[in-house]
C-alpha atoms as a PDB file:
ATOM      1  CA  MET A   1      21.005  18.319  43.888  1.00  0.00           C
ATOM      2  CA  ARG A   2      21.806  15.577  41.379  1.00  0.00           C
ATOM      3  CA  VAL A   3      25.031  17.362  40.430  1.00  0.00           C
ATOM      4  CA  PHE A   4      26.106  17.422  44.095  1.00  0.00           C
ATOM      5  CA  GLU A   5      25.358  13.706  44.432  1.00  0.00           C
ATOM      6  CA  ALA A   6      27.335  12.945  41.271  1.00  0.00           C
ATOM      7  CA  ILE A   7      30.289  14.965  42.575  1.00  0.00           C
ATOM      8  CA  LEU A   8      30.145  13.062  45.871  1.00  0.00           C
ATOM      9  CA  LEU A   9      30.054   9.697  44.123  1.00  0.00           C
ATOM     10  CA  LEU A  10      32.954  10.620  41.838  1.00  0.00           C
ATOM     11  CA  SER A  11      34.915  11.863  44.844  1.00  0.00           C
ATOM     12  CA  LEU A  12      34.170   8.614  46.641  1.00  0.00           C
ATOM     13  CA  ILE A  13      35.475   6.575  43.722  1.00  0.00           C
ATOM     14  CA  GLY A  14      38.502   8.871  43.465  1.00  0.00           C
ATOM     15  CA  CYS A  15      39.298   8.372  47.154  1.00  0.00           C
ATOM     16  CA  ALA A  16      38.980   4.600  46.872  1.00  0.00           C
ATOM     17  CA  VAL A  17      41.281   4.425  43.856  1.00  0.00           C
ATOM     18  CA  SER A  18      43.836   6.864  45.253  1.00  0.00           C
ATOM     19  CA  VAL A  19      44.117   4.962  48.547  1.00  0.00           C
ATOM     20  CA  ALA A  20      44.947   1.845  46.575  1.00  0.00           C
ATOM     21  CA  PHE A  21      47.739   3.545  44.635  1.00  0.00           C
ATOM     22  CA  THR A  22      49.229   5.808  47.321  1.00  0.00           C
ATOM     23  CA  LYS A  23      52.554   4.619  48.689  1.00  0.00           C
ATOM     24  CA  ASP A  24      52.790   7.024  51.632  1.00  0.00           C
ATOM     25  CA  LEU A  25      50.903   5.629  54.634  1.00  0.00           C
ATOM     26  CA  LEU A  26      50.073   9.021  56.152  1.00  0.00           C
ATOM     27  CA  THR A  27      48.531  10.172  52.887  1.00  0.00           C
ATOM     28  CA  SER A  28      46.535   6.942  52.704  1.00  0.00           C
ATOM     29  CA  ILE A  29      45.118   7.543  56.170  1.00  0.00           C
ATOM     30  CA  ILE A  30      44.093  11.094  55.303  1.00  0.00           C
ATOM     31  CA  ILE A  31      42.429   9.932  52.080  1.00  0.00           C
ATOM     32  CA  PHE A  32      40.643   7.208  54.063  1.00  0.00           C
ATOM     33  CA  MET A  33      39.330   9.890  56.427  1.00  0.00           C
ATOM     34  CA  SER A  34      38.052  11.837  53.425  1.00  0.00           C
ATOM     35  CA  TYR A  35      36.363   8.691  52.131  1.00  0.00           C
ATOM     36  CA  SER A  36      34.581   8.233  55.465  1.00  0.00           C
ATOM     37  CA  LEU A  37      33.440  11.848  55.572  1.00  0.00           C
ATOM     38  CA  ILE A  38      32.086  11.657  52.021  1.00  0.00           C
ATOM     39  CA  MET A  39      30.234   8.471  52.971  1.00  0.00           C
ATOM     40  CA  CYS A  40      28.815  10.317  55.969  1.00  0.00           C
ATOM     41  CA  VAL A  41      27.390  13.023  53.710  1.00  0.00           C
ATOM     42  CA  ILE A  42      25.984  10.396  51.340  1.00  0.00           C
ATOM     43  CA  TRP A  43      24.234   8.646  54.250  1.00  0.00           C
ATOM     44  CA  ILE A  44      22.707  11.985  55.240  1.00  0.00           C
ATOM     45  CA  LEU A  45      21.457  12.536  51.677  1.00  0.00           C
ATOM     46  CA  LEU A  46      19.953   9.039  51.764  1.00  0.00           C
ATOM     47  CA  GLN A  47      18.068  10.131  54.912  1.00  0.00           C
ATOM     48  CA  SER A  48      19.810   7.705  57.200  1.00  0.00           C
ATOM     49  CA  PRO A  49      21.181   9.836  60.039  1.00  0.00           C
ATOM     50  CA  ASP A  50      21.966   6.877  62.295  1.00  0.00           C
ATOM     51  CA  LEU A  51      24.372   5.437  59.723  1.00  0.00           C
ATOM     52  CA  ALA A  52      25.823   8.892  59.066  1.00  0.00           C
ATOM     53  CA  VAL A  53      26.653   9.393  62.731  1.00  0.00           C
ATOM     54  CA  THR A  54      28.109   5.892  62.966  1.00  0.00           C
ATOM     55  CA  GLU A  55      30.238   6.454  59.851  1.00  0.00           C
ATOM     56  CA  ALA A  56      31.502   9.770  61.191  1.00  0.00           C
ATOM     57  CA  ALA A  57      32.304   8.368  64.617  1.00  0.00           C
ATOM     58  CA  VAL A  58      33.800   5.049  63.612  1.00  0.00           C
ATOM     59  CA  GLY A  59      35.076   5.607  60.090  1.00  0.00           C
ATOM     60  CA  ALA A  60      36.489   9.109  60.287  1.00  0.00           C
ATOM     61  CA  GLY A  61      37.013   9.183  64.034  1.00  0.00           C
ATOM     62  CA  VAL A  62      38.065   6.063  65.885  1.00  0.00           C
ATOM     63  CA  THR A  63      39.530   4.114  62.979  1.00  0.00           C
ATOM     64  CA  SER A  64      41.592   7.067  61.766  1.00  0.00           C
ATOM     65  CA  ILE A  65      42.958   7.702  65.249  1.00  0.00           C
ATOM     66  CA  LEU A  66      43.925   4.043  65.557  1.00  0.00           C
ATOM     67  CA  PHE A  67      45.657   4.234  62.173  1.00  0.00           C
ATOM     68  CA  PHE A  68      47.573   7.362  63.244  1.00  0.00           C
ATOM     69  CA  VAL A  69      48.694   5.727  66.499  1.00  0.00           C
ATOM     70  CA  THR A  70      49.734   2.570  64.679  1.00  0.00           C
ATOM     71  CA  LEU A  71      51.668   4.580  62.102  1.00  0.00           C
ATOM     72  CA  LYS A  72      53.454   6.482  64.859  1.00  0.00           C
ATOM     73  CA  LYS A  73      54.393   3.235  66.607  1.00  0.00           C
ATOM     74  CA  ILE A  74      55.621   1.662  63.369  1.00  0.00           C
ATOM     75  CA  ARG A  75      57.831   4.652  62.629  1.00  0.00           C
ATOM     76  CA  ALA A  76      59.104   4.621  66.217  1.00  0.00           C
ATOM     77  CA  ILE A  77      60.035   0.955  65.877  1.00  0.00           C
ATOM     78  CA  ARG A  78      61.835   1.664  62.603  1.00  0.00           C
ATOM     79  CA  LYS A  79      63.770   4.529  64.217  1.00  0.00           C
ATOM     80  CA  GLU A  80      64.813   2.265  67.104  1.00  0.00           C
ATOM     81  CA  ASP A  81      65.976  -0.380  64.628  1.00  0.00           C
ATOM     82  CA  GLN A  82      67.985   2.191  62.702  1.00  0.00           C
ATOM     83  CA  ASP A  83      69.566   3.505  65.915  1.00  0.00           C
ATOM     84  CA  GLU A  84      70.585  -0.022  66.927  1.00  0.00           C
ATOM     85  CA  GLN A  85      72.118  -0.693  63.519  1.00  0.00           C
ATOM     86  CA  THR A  86      74.265   2.457  63.667  1.00  0.00           C
ATOM     87  CA  LYS A  87      75.758   1.458  67.036  1.00  0.00           C
END
């Protein structure tokens, strides 16, 4: 069990570092989702199911969806700006 916990903690650190250095926003969002899911598993191992459910719902669920919608809107705005510049 200790090996599994160590792998989770190393993965958590890896996700945090890779989000900081990733330049692609979509990749950053996906890594952030992975971070939240790993945290969810860690909360379960720490015998705190209420925090695990909250992390899964808010961290991996709602926040990620809001990031995806925001990213889509940003790219739509950029496309509109590029279309106006070509006219």
